[in-house]
Amino acid sequence: MKENTNLSVCGIDCSACYCYGEMCSGCNDLSGKVFHVPEGKACAIYDCTVNQKQFKNCGECSKAPCEIWMKTRDPKYSDEEFAENVKTRIQALRGNE
């Protein structure tokens, strides 16, 4: 199976985002310093996963999905949609476990 290089550390396919390209080149290319975080800061998930724990992605962490995921929830999702989104992202990171 070919690895998706546009898969962020939290399992989002950056290339599927409407911001990918002009506004953002993706989490991995930007070392987590994406458009929606304060200038010069890394996304909290990226910071924890890569900078602090030195994992490749959250799929390597036994605590994922963790409190940081819940705190960085996209408000457009209902509770049910968010739960499904998290499940899909974890499966992408861990290879459909």
PDB file of N, CA and C in Angstrom:
ATOM      1  N   MET A   1       0.827  -1.171   0.000  1.00  0.00           N
ATOM      2  CA  MET A   1       0.000   0.000   0.000  1.00  0.00           C
ATOM      3  C   MET A   1       0.879   1.246   0.000  1.00  0.00           C
ATOM      4  N   LYS A   2       0.597   2.191  -0.898  1.00  0.00           N
ATOM      5  CA  LYS A   2       1.385   3.400  -1.018  1.00  0.00           C
ATOM      6  C   LYS A   2       1.035   4.374   0.099  1.00  0.00           C
ATOM      7  N   GLU A   3       2.059   4.965   0.718  1.00  0.00           N
ATOM      8  CA  GLU A   3       1.851   5.922   1.790  1.00  0.00           C
ATOM      9  C   GLU A   3       1.360   7.241   1.222  1.00  0.00           C
ATOM     10  N   ASN A   4       0.359   7.835   1.847  1.00  0.00           N
ATOM     11  CA  ASN A   4      -0.163   9.131   1.446  1.00  0.00           C
ATOM     12  C   ASN A   4       0.699  10.199   2.103  1.00  0.00           C
ATOM     13  N   THR A   5       1.556  10.874   1.330  1.00  0.00           N
ATOM     14  CA  THR A   5       2.453  11.883   1.885  1.00  0.00           C
ATOM     15  C   THR A   5       1.717  13.166   2.257  1.00  0.00           C
ATOM     16  N   ASN A   6       0.469  13.311   1.847  1.00  0.00           N
ATOM     17  CA  ASN A   6      -0.335  14.471   2.213  1.00  0.00           C
ATOM     18  C   ASN A   6      -1.155  14.226   3.474  1.00  0.00           C
ATOM     19  N   LEU A   7      -0.962  13.081   4.110  1.00  0.00           N
ATOM     20  CA  LEU A   7      -1.674  12.759   5.333  1.00  0.00           C
ATOM     21  C   LEU A   7      -0.966  13.465   6.493  1.00  0.00           C
ATOM     22  N   SER A   8      -1.705  14.324   7.180  1.00  0.00           N
ATOM     23  CA  SER A   8      -1.120  15.059   8.305  1.00  0.00           C
ATOM     24  C   SER A   8      -0.878  14.122   9.483  1.00  0.00           C
ATOM     25  N   VAL A   9      -0.209  14.619  10.496  1.00  0.00           N
ATOM     26  CA  VAL A   9       0.086  13.792  11.663  1.00  0.00           C
ATOM     27  C   VAL A   9      -1.178  13.332  12.382  1.00  0.00           C
ATOM     28  N   CYS A  10      -2.287  14.056  12.181  1.00  0.00           N
ATOM     29  CA  CYS A  10      -3.549  13.676  12.838  1.00  0.00           C
ATOM     30  C   CYS A  10      -4.496  12.947  11.893  1.00  0.00           C
ATOM     31  N   GLY A  11      -4.019  12.581  10.710  1.00  0.00           N
ATOM     32  CA  GLY A  11      -4.808  11.752   9.813  1.00  0.00           C
ATOM     33  C   GLY A  11      -5.687  12.477   8.817  1.00  0.00           C
ATOM     34  N   ILE A  12      -5.563  13.780   8.729  1.00  0.00           N
ATOM     35  CA  ILE A  12      -6.319  14.531   7.720  1.00  0.00           C
ATOM     36  C   ILE A  12      -5.543  14.517   6.416  1.00  0.00           C
ATOM     37  N   ASP A  13      -6.236  14.283   5.303  1.00  0.00           N
ATOM     38  CA  ASP A  13      -5.605  14.339   3.991  1.00  0.00           C
ATOM     39  C   ASP A  13      -5.560  15.810   3.579  1.00  0.00           C
ATOM     40  N   CYS A  14      -4.402  16.420   3.733  1.00  0.00           N
ATOM     41  CA  CYS A  14      -4.250  17.853   3.447  1.00  0.00           C
ATOM     42  C   CYS A  14      -4.644  18.197   2.013  1.00  0.00           C
ATOM     43  N   SER A  15      -4.375  17.305   1.070  1.00  0.00           N
ATOM     44  CA  SER A  15      -4.675  17.598  -0.336  1.00  0.00           C
ATOM     45  C   SER A  15      -6.179  17.671  -0.596  1.00  0.00           C
ATOM     46  N   ALA A  16      -6.994  17.164   0.329  1.00  0.00           N
ATOM     47  CA  ALA A  16      -8.445  17.218   0.166  1.00  0.00           C
ATOM     48  C   ALA A  16      -9.049  18.497   0.763  1.00  0.00           C
ATOM     49  N   CYS A  17      -8.233  19.292   1.421  1.00  0.00           N
ATOM     50  CA  CYS A  17      -8.696  20.527   2.065  1.00  0.00           C
ATOM     51  C   CYS A  17      -8.806  21.644   1.041  1.00  0.00           C
ATOM     52  N   TYR A  18      -9.847  22.459   1.185  1.00  0.00           N
ATOM     53  CA  TYR A  18     -10.058  23.577   0.254  1.00  0.00           C
ATOM     54  C   TYR A  18      -8.930  24.609   0.331  1.00  0.00           C
ATOM     55  N   CYS A  19      -8.162  24.613   1.399  1.00  0.00           N
ATOM     56  CA  CYS A  19      -7.069  25.580   1.571  1.00  0.00           C
ATOM     57  C   CYS A  19      -5.747  25.096   0.968  1.00  0.00           C
ATOM     58  N   TYR A  20      -5.698  23.820   0.640  1.00  0.00           N
ATOM     59  CA  TYR A  20      -4.447  23.232   0.157  1.00  0.00           C
ATOM     60  C   TYR A  20      -4.074  23.827  -1.195  1.00  0.00           C
ATOM     61  N   GLY A  21      -2.854  24.243  -1.300  1.00  0.00           N
ATOM     62  CA  GLY A  21      -2.363  24.828  -2.547  1.00  0.00           C
ATOM     63  C   GLY A  21      -2.042  26.294  -2.356  1.00  0.00           C
ATOM     64  N   GLU A  22      -3.024  27.160  -2.542  1.00  0.00           N
ATOM     65  CA  GLU A  22      -2.769  28.592  -2.420  1.00  0.00           C
ATOM     66  C   GLU A  22      -2.547  29.067  -0.989  1.00  0.00           C
ATOM     67  N   MET A  23      -3.405  28.656  -0.062  1.00  0.00           N
ATOM     68  CA  MET A  23      -3.313  29.123   1.326  1.00  0.00           C
ATOM     69  C   MET A  23      -2.364  28.286   2.175  1.00  0.00           C
ATOM     70  N   CYS A  24      -2.215  27.019   1.835  1.00  0.00           N
ATOM     71  CA  CYS A  24      -1.501  26.104   2.717  1.00  0.00           C
ATOM     72  C   CYS A  24      -0.877  24.978   1.894  1.00  0.00           C
ATOM     73  N   SER A  25       0.354  24.631   2.218  1.00  0.00           N
ATOM     74  CA  SER A  25       1.000  23.527   1.497  1.00  0.00           C
ATOM     75  C   SER A  25       0.988  22.238   2.310  1.00  0.00           C
ATOM     76  N   GLY A  26       0.254  22.233   3.415  1.00  0.00           N
ATOM     77  CA  GLY A  26       0.089  21.013   4.194  1.00  0.00           C
ATOM     78  C   GLY A  26       0.895  20.996   5.473  1.00  0.00           C
ATOM     79  N   CYS A  27       0.373  20.281   6.420  1.00  0.00           N
ATOM     80  CA  CYS A  27       0.948  20.171   7.756  1.00  0.00           C
ATOM     81  C   CYS A  27       2.409  19.716   7.723  1.00  0.00           C
ATOM     82  N   ASN A  28       2.687  18.676   6.975  1.00  0.00           N
ATOM     83  CA  ASN A  28       4.040  18.124   6.955  1.00  0.00           C
ATOM     84  C   ASN A  28       5.038  19.102   6.338  1.00  0.00           C
ATOM     85  N   ASP A  29       4.676  19.722   5.226  1.00  0.00           N
ATOM     86  CA  ASP A  29       5.567  20.674   4.571  1.00  0.00           C
ATOM     87  C   ASP A  29       5.824  21.911   5.419  1.00  0.00           C
ATOM     88  N   LEU A  30       4.855  22.282   6.237  1.00  0.00           N
ATOM     89  CA  LEU A  30       4.963  23.499   7.050  1.00  0.00           C
ATOM     90  C   LEU A  30       5.365  23.221   8.501  1.00  0.00           C
ATOM     91  N   SER A  31       5.753  21.997   8.795  1.00  0.00           N
ATOM     92  CA  SER A  31       6.119  21.606  10.165  1.00  0.00           C
ATOM     93  C   SER A  31       5.051  22.000  11.176  1.00  0.00           C
ATOM     94  N   GLY A  32       3.785  21.824  10.757  1.00  0.00           N
ATOM     95  CA  GLY A  32       2.664  22.102  11.642  1.00  0.00           C
ATOM     96  C   GLY A  32       2.276  23.566  11.753  1.00  0.00           C
ATOM     97  N   LYS A  33       3.023  24.457  11.094  1.00  0.00           N
ATOM     98  CA  LYS A  33       2.757  25.898  11.178  1.00  0.00           C
ATOM     99  C   LYS A  33       1.778  26.299  10.079  1.00  0.00           C
ATOM    100  N   VAL A  34       0.580  25.776  10.193  1.00  0.00           N
ATOM    101  CA  VAL A  34      -0.458  25.976   9.186  1.00  0.00           C
ATOM    102  C   VAL A  34      -1.226  27.275   9.421  1.00  0.00           C
ATOM    103  N   PHE A  35      -1.999  27.653   8.435  1.00  0.00           N
ATOM    104  CA  PHE A  35      -2.668  28.950   8.414  1.00  0.00           C
ATOM    105  C   PHE A  35      -3.584  29.231   9.599  1.00  0.00           C
ATOM    106  N   HIS A  36      -4.126  28.210  10.231  1.00  0.00           N
ATOM    107  CA  HIS A  36      -5.114  28.428  11.280  1.00  0.00           C
ATOM    108  C   HIS A  36      -4.534  28.514  12.689  1.00  0.00           C
ATOM    109  N   VAL A  37      -3.216  28.511  12.823  1.00  0.00           N
ATOM    110  CA  VAL A  37      -2.587  28.692  14.132  1.00  0.00           C
ATOM    111  C   VAL A  37      -1.851  30.034  14.141  1.00  0.00           C
ATOM    112  N   PRO A  38      -1.601  30.592  15.324  1.00  0.00           N
ATOM    113  CA  PRO A  38      -0.891  31.877  15.376  1.00  0.00           C
ATOM    114  C   PRO A  38       0.467  31.816  14.677  1.00  0.00           C
ATOM    115  N   GLU A  39       0.838  32.908  14.056  1.00  0.00           N
ATOM    116  CA  GLU A  39       2.103  33.032  13.320  1.00  0.00           C
ATOM    117  C   GLU A  39       3.281  32.512  14.143  1.00  0.00           C
ATOM    118  N   GLY A  40       4.085  31.662  13.536  1.00  0.00           N
ATOM    119  CA  GLY A  40       5.272  31.125  14.184  1.00  0.00           C
ATOM    120  C   GLY A  40       5.039  29.943  15.103  1.00  0.00           C
ATOM    121  N   LYS A  41       3.793  29.606  15.376  1.00  0.00           N
ATOM    122  CA  LYS A  41       3.456  28.481  16.250  1.00  0.00           C
ATOM    123  C   LYS A  41       3.076  27.268  15.414  1.00  0.00           C
ATOM    124  N   ALA A  42       3.241  26.100  15.989  1.00  0.00           N
ATOM    125  CA  ALA A  42       2.816  24.866  15.330  1.00  0.00           C
ATOM    126  C   ALA A  42       1.468  24.445  15.896  1.00  0.00           C
ATOM    127  N   CYS A  43       0.699  23.746  15.097  1.00  0.00           N
ATOM    128  CA  CYS A  43      -0.552  23.150  15.555  1.00  0.00           C
ATOM    129  C   CYS A  43      -0.262  22.332  16.816  1.00  0.00           C
ATOM    130  N   ALA A  44      -1.157  22.378  17.785  1.00  0.00           N
ATOM    131  CA  ALA A  44      -0.962  21.665  19.053  1.00  0.00           C
ATOM    132  C   ALA A  44      -0.772  20.166  18.848  1.00  0.00           C
ATOM    133  N   ILE A  45      -1.488  19.600  17.903  1.00  0.00           N
ATOM    134  CA  ILE A  45      -1.362  18.161  17.642  1.00  0.00           C
ATOM    135  C   ILE A  45       0.009  17.856  17.055  1.00  0.00           C
ATOM    136  N   TYR A  46       0.429  18.655  16.083  1.00  0.00           N
ATOM    137  CA  TYR A  46       1.741  18.464  15.461  1.00  0.00           C
ATOM    138  C   TYR A  46       2.839  18.642  16.508  1.00  0.00           C
ATOM    139  N   ASP A  47       2.722  19.688  17.311  1.00  0.00           N
ATOM    140  CA  ASP A  47       3.734  19.972  18.324  1.00  0.00           C
ATOM    141  C   ASP A  47       3.899  18.798  19.288  1.00  0.00           C
ATOM    142  N   CYS A  48       2.788  18.273  19.775  1.00  0.00           N
ATOM    143  CA  CYS A  48       2.820  17.137  20.686  1.00  0.00           C
ATOM    144  C   CYS A  48       3.424  15.900  20.015  1.00  0.00           C
ATOM    145  N   THR A  49       2.908  15.590  18.837  1.00  0.00           N
ATOM    146  CA  THR A  49       3.279  14.350  18.166  1.00  0.00           C
ATOM    147  C   THR A  49       4.718  14.341  17.662  1.00  0.00           C
ATOM    148  N   VAL A  50       5.075  15.353  16.903  1.00  0.00           N
ATOM    149  CA  VAL A  50       6.383  15.378  16.244  1.00  0.00           C
ATOM    150  C   VAL A  50       7.451  16.040  17.107  1.00  0.00           C
ATOM    151  N   ASN A  51       7.161  17.245  17.586  1.00  0.00           N
ATOM    152  CA  ASN A  51       8.173  18.004  18.319  1.00  0.00           C
ATOM    153  C   ASN A  51       8.448  17.448  19.712  1.00  0.00           C
ATOM    154  N   GLN A  52       7.400  17.042  20.428  1.00  0.00           N
ATOM    155  CA  GLN A  52       7.603  16.569  21.794  1.00  0.00           C
ATOM    156  C   GLN A  52       7.849  15.066  21.882  1.00  0.00           C
ATOM    157  N   LYS A  53       7.000  14.280  21.239  1.00  0.00           N
ATOM    158  CA  LYS A  53       7.110  12.815  21.347  1.00  0.00           C
ATOM    159  C   LYS A  53       7.971  12.196  20.251  1.00  0.00           C
ATOM    160  N   GLN A  54       8.273  12.984  19.232  1.00  0.00           N
ATOM    161  CA  GLN A  54       9.097  12.551  18.101  1.00  0.00           C
ATOM    162  C   GLN A  54       8.526  11.342  17.372  1.00  0.00           C
ATOM    163  N   PHE A  55       7.202  11.304  17.278  1.00  0.00           N
ATOM    164  CA  PHE A  55       6.510  10.297  16.484  1.00  0.00           C
ATOM    165  C   PHE A  55       6.347  10.819  15.064  1.00  0.00           C
ATOM    166  N   LYS A  56       6.131   9.916  14.158  1.00  0.00           N
ATOM    167  CA  LYS A  56       5.839  10.280  12.766  1.00  0.00           C
ATOM    168  C   LYS A  56       4.409  10.826  12.651  1.00  0.00           C
ATOM    169  N   ASN A  57       3.493  10.207  13.398  1.00  0.00           N
ATOM    170  CA  ASN A  57       2.100  10.650  13.403  1.00  0.00           C
ATOM    171  C   ASN A  57       1.400  10.126  14.661  1.00  0.00           C
ATOM    172  N   CYS A  58       0.175  10.573  14.857  1.00  0.00           N
ATOM    173  CA  CYS A  58      -0.584  10.183  16.055  1.00  0.00           C
ATOM    174  C   CYS A  58      -0.900   8.686  16.105  1.00  0.00           C
ATOM    175  N   GLY A  59      -0.822   8.004  14.988  1.00  0.00           N
ATOM    176  CA  GLY A  59      -1.067   6.570  14.954  1.00  0.00           C
ATOM    177  C   GLY A  59      -0.075   5.780  15.786  1.00  0.00           C
ATOM    178  N   GLU A  60       1.077   6.374  16.078  1.00  0.00           N
ATOM    179  CA  GLU A  60       2.096   5.727  16.892  1.00  0.00           C
ATOM    180  C   GLU A  60       1.854   5.928  18.388  1.00  0.00           C
ATOM    181  N   CYS A  61       0.902   6.797  18.721  1.00  0.00           N
ATOM    182  CA  CYS A  61       0.655   7.135  20.124  1.00  0.00           C
ATOM    183  C   CYS A  61      -0.527   6.337  20.675  1.00  0.00           C
ATOM    184  N   SER A  62      -0.320   5.697  21.807  1.00  0.00           N
ATOM    185  CA  SER A  62      -1.379   4.883  22.415  1.00  0.00           C
ATOM    186  C   SER A  62      -2.519   5.733  22.982  1.00  0.00           C
ATOM    187  N   LYS A  63      -2.295   7.026  23.152  1.00  0.00           N
ATOM    188  CA  LYS A  63      -3.319   7.909  23.708  1.00  0.00           C
ATOM    189  C   LYS A  63      -4.227   8.534  22.647  1.00  0.00           C
ATOM    190  N   ALA A  64      -3.916   8.339  21.388  1.00  0.00           N
ATOM    191  CA  ALA A  64      -4.710   8.953  20.304  1.00  0.00           C
ATOM    192  C   ALA A  64      -6.008   8.185  20.093  1.00  0.00           C
ATOM    193  N   PRO A  65      -7.099   8.872  19.913  1.00  0.00           N
ATOM    194  CA  PRO A  65      -7.254  10.328  19.919  1.00  0.00           C
ATOM    195  C   PRO A  65      -7.303  10.838  21.356  1.00  0.00           C
ATOM    196  N   CYS A  66      -6.577  11.907  21.608  1.00  0.00           N
ATOM    197  CA  CYS A  66      -6.426  12.416  22.964  1.00  0.00           C
ATOM    198  C   CYS A  66      -7.191  13.718  23.179  1.00  0.00           C
ATOM    199  N   GLU A  67      -6.973  14.294  24.335  1.00  0.00           N
ATOM    200  CA  GLU A  67      -7.640  15.542  24.707  1.00  0.00           C
ATOM    201  C   GLU A  67      -7.301  16.676  23.729  1.00  0.00           C
ATOM    202  N   ILE A  68      -6.093  16.685  23.221  1.00  0.00           N
ATOM    203  CA  ILE A  68      -5.713  17.730  22.261  1.00  0.00           C
ATOM    204  C   ILE A  68      -6.605  17.647  21.030  1.00  0.00           C
ATOM    205  N   TRP A  69      -6.890  16.443  20.557  1.00  0.00           N
ATOM    206  CA  TRP A  69      -7.790  16.279  19.413  1.00  0.00           C
ATOM    207  C   TRP A  69      -9.149  16.877  19.722  1.00  0.00           C
ATOM    208  N   MET A  70      -9.641  16.605  20.927  1.00  0.00           N
ATOM    209  CA  MET A  70     -10.967  17.094  21.304  1.00  0.00           C
ATOM    210  C   MET A  70     -10.995  18.616  21.412  1.00  0.00           C
ATOM    211  N   LYS A  71      -9.900  19.199  21.875  1.00  0.00           N
ATOM    212  CA  LYS A  71      -9.814  20.653  22.016  1.00  0.00           C
ATOM    213  C   LYS A  71      -9.655  21.363  20.677  1.00  0.00           C
ATOM    214  N   THR A  72      -9.155  20.664  19.671  1.00  0.00           N
ATOM    215  CA  THR A  72      -8.942  21.282  18.358  1.00  0.00           C
ATOM    216  C   THR A  72     -10.028  20.875  17.367  1.00  0.00           C
ATOM    217  N   ARG A  73     -11.141  20.474  17.888  1.00  0.00           N
ATOM    218  CA  ARG A  73     -12.291  20.043  17.090  1.00  0.00           C
ATOM    219  C   ARG A  73     -12.799  21.160  16.184  1.00  0.00           C
ATOM    220  N   ASP A  74     -13.078  20.809  14.944  1.00  0.00           N
ATOM    221  CA  ASP A  74     -13.687  21.751  13.998  1.00  0.00           C
ATOM    222  C   ASP A  74     -15.145  21.932  14.406  1.00  0.00           C
ATOM    223  N   PRO A  75     -15.561  23.161  14.705  1.00  0.00           N
ATOM    224  CA  PRO A  75     -16.928  23.384  15.185  1.00  0.00           C
ATOM    225  C   PRO A  75     -18.026  23.110  14.157  1.00  0.00           C
ATOM    226  N   LYS A  76     -17.657  22.907  12.919  1.00  0.00           N
ATOM    227  CA  LYS A  76     -18.686  22.627  11.906  1.00  0.00           C
ATOM    228  C   LYS A  76     -19.291  21.229  12.063  1.00  0.00           C
ATOM    229  N   TYR A  77     -18.618  20.354  12.806  1.00  0.00           N
ATOM    230  CA  TYR A  77     -19.093  18.980  12.959  1.00  0.00           C
ATOM    231  C   TYR A  77     -20.051  18.822  14.143  1.00  0.00           C
ATOM    232  N   SER A  78     -21.102  18.036  13.943  1.00  0.00           N
ATOM    233  CA  SER A  78     -21.954  17.627  15.060  1.00  0.00           C
ATOM    234  C   SER A  78     -21.161  16.587  15.862  1.00  0.00           C
ATOM    235  N   ASP A  79     -21.672  16.214  17.025  1.00  0.00           N
ATOM    236  CA  ASP A  79     -20.995  15.201  17.840  1.00  0.00           C
ATOM    237  C   ASP A  79     -20.808  13.904  17.058  1.00  0.00           C
ATOM    238  N   GLU A  80     -21.853  13.485  16.351  1.00  0.00           N
ATOM    239  CA  GLU A  80     -21.800  12.241  15.573  1.00  0.00           C
ATOM    240  C   GLU A  80     -20.802  12.357  14.416  1.00  0.00           C
ATOM    241  N   GLU A  81     -20.821  13.484  13.720  1.00  0.00           N
ATOM    242  CA  GLU A  81     -19.897  13.692  12.599  1.00  0.00           C
ATOM    243  C   GLU A  81     -18.455  13.727  13.093  1.00  0.00           C
ATOM    244  N   PHE A  82     -18.232  14.374  14.230  1.00  0.00           N
ATOM    245  CA  PHE A  82     -16.885  14.449  14.776  1.00  0.00           C
ATOM    246  C   PHE A  82     -16.380  13.067  15.182  1.00  0.00           C
ATOM    247  N   ALA A  83     -17.228  12.277  15.824  1.00  0.00           N
ATOM    248  CA  ALA A  83     -16.844  10.914  16.221  1.00  0.00           C
ATOM    249  C   ALA A  83     -16.459  10.086  14.988  1.00  0.00           C
ATOM    250  N   GLU A  84     -17.223  10.203  13.910  1.00  0.00           N
ATOM    251  CA  GLU A  84     -16.921   9.476  12.672  1.00  0.00           C
ATOM    252  C   GLU A  84     -15.636   9.996  12.041  1.00  0.00           C
ATOM    253  N   ASN A  85     -15.442  11.307  12.072  1.00  0.00           N
ATOM    254  CA  ASN A  85     -14.229  11.922  11.538  1.00  0.00           C
ATOM    255  C   ASN A  85     -12.996  11.406  12.268  1.00  0.00           C
ATOM    256  N   VAL A  86     -13.062  11.376  13.588  1.00  0.00           N
ATOM    257  CA  VAL A  86     -11.945  10.881  14.401  1.00  0.00           C
ATOM    258  C   VAL A  86     -11.675   9.414  14.082  1.00  0.00           C
ATOM    259  N   LYS A  87     -12.716   8.610  13.997  1.00  0.00           N
ATOM    260  CA  LYS A  87     -12.574   7.180  13.684  1.00  0.00           C
ATOM    261  C   LYS A  87     -11.880   6.992  12.334  1.00  0.00           C
ATOM    262  N   THR A  88     -12.298   7.744  11.345  1.00  0.00           N
ATOM    263  CA  THR A  88     -11.716   7.657   9.998  1.00  0.00           C
ATOM    264  C   THR A  88     -10.249   8.060   9.998  1.00  0.00           C
ATOM    265  N   ARG A  89      -9.932   9.119  10.728  1.00  0.00           N
ATOM    266  CA  ARG A  89      -8.546   9.597  10.796  1.00  0.00           C
ATOM    267  C   ARG A  89      -7.640   8.582  11.485  1.00  0.00           C
ATOM    268  N   ILE A  90      -8.103   8.009  12.577  1.00  0.00           N
ATOM    269  CA  ILE A  90      -7.320   6.994  13.284  1.00  0.00           C
ATOM    270  C   ILE A  90      -7.093   5.777  12.382  1.00  0.00           C
ATOM    271  N   GLN A  91      -8.121   5.366  11.670  1.00  0.00           N
ATOM    272  CA  GLN A  91      -7.985   4.230  10.747  1.00  0.00           C
ATOM    273  C   GLN A  91      -6.969   4.544   9.651  1.00  0.00           C
ATOM    274  N   ALA A  92      -6.984   5.761   9.139  1.00  0.00           N
ATOM    275  CA  ALA A  92      -6.005   6.140   8.110  1.00  0.00           C
ATOM    276  C   ALA A  92      -4.583   6.081   8.649  1.00  0.00           C
ATOM    277  N   LEU A  93      -4.403   6.510   9.882  1.00  0.00           N
ATOM    278  CA  LEU A  93      -3.070   6.502  10.486  1.00  0.00           C
ATOM    279  C   LEU A  93      -2.578   5.115  10.868  1.00  0.00           C
ATOM    280  N   ARG A  94      -3.499   4.275  11.283  1.00  0.00           N
ATOM    281  CA  ARG A  94      -3.101   2.951  11.780  1.00  0.00           C
ATOM    282  C   ARG A  94      -3.348   1.844  10.774  1.00  0.00           C
ATOM    283  N   GLY A  95      -3.776   2.196   9.589  1.00  0.00           N
ATOM    284  CA  GLY A  95      -3.953   1.190   8.547  1.00  0.00           C
ATOM    285  C   GLY A  95      -5.186   0.335   8.674  1.00  0.00           C
ATOM    286  N   ASN A  96      -6.339   0.954   8.937  1.00  0.00           N
ATOM    287  CA  ASN A  96      -7.630   0.245   8.977  1.00  0.00           C
ATOM    288  C   ASN A  96      -7.670  -0.871  10.002  1.00  0.00           C
ATOM    289  N   GLU A  97      -7.188  -0.586  11.197  1.00  0.00           N
ATOM    290  CA  GLU A  97      -7.169  -1.633  12.245  1.00  0.00           C
ATOM    291  C   GLU A  97      -8.534  -2.142  12.612  1.00  0.00           C
TER     292      GLU A  97
END
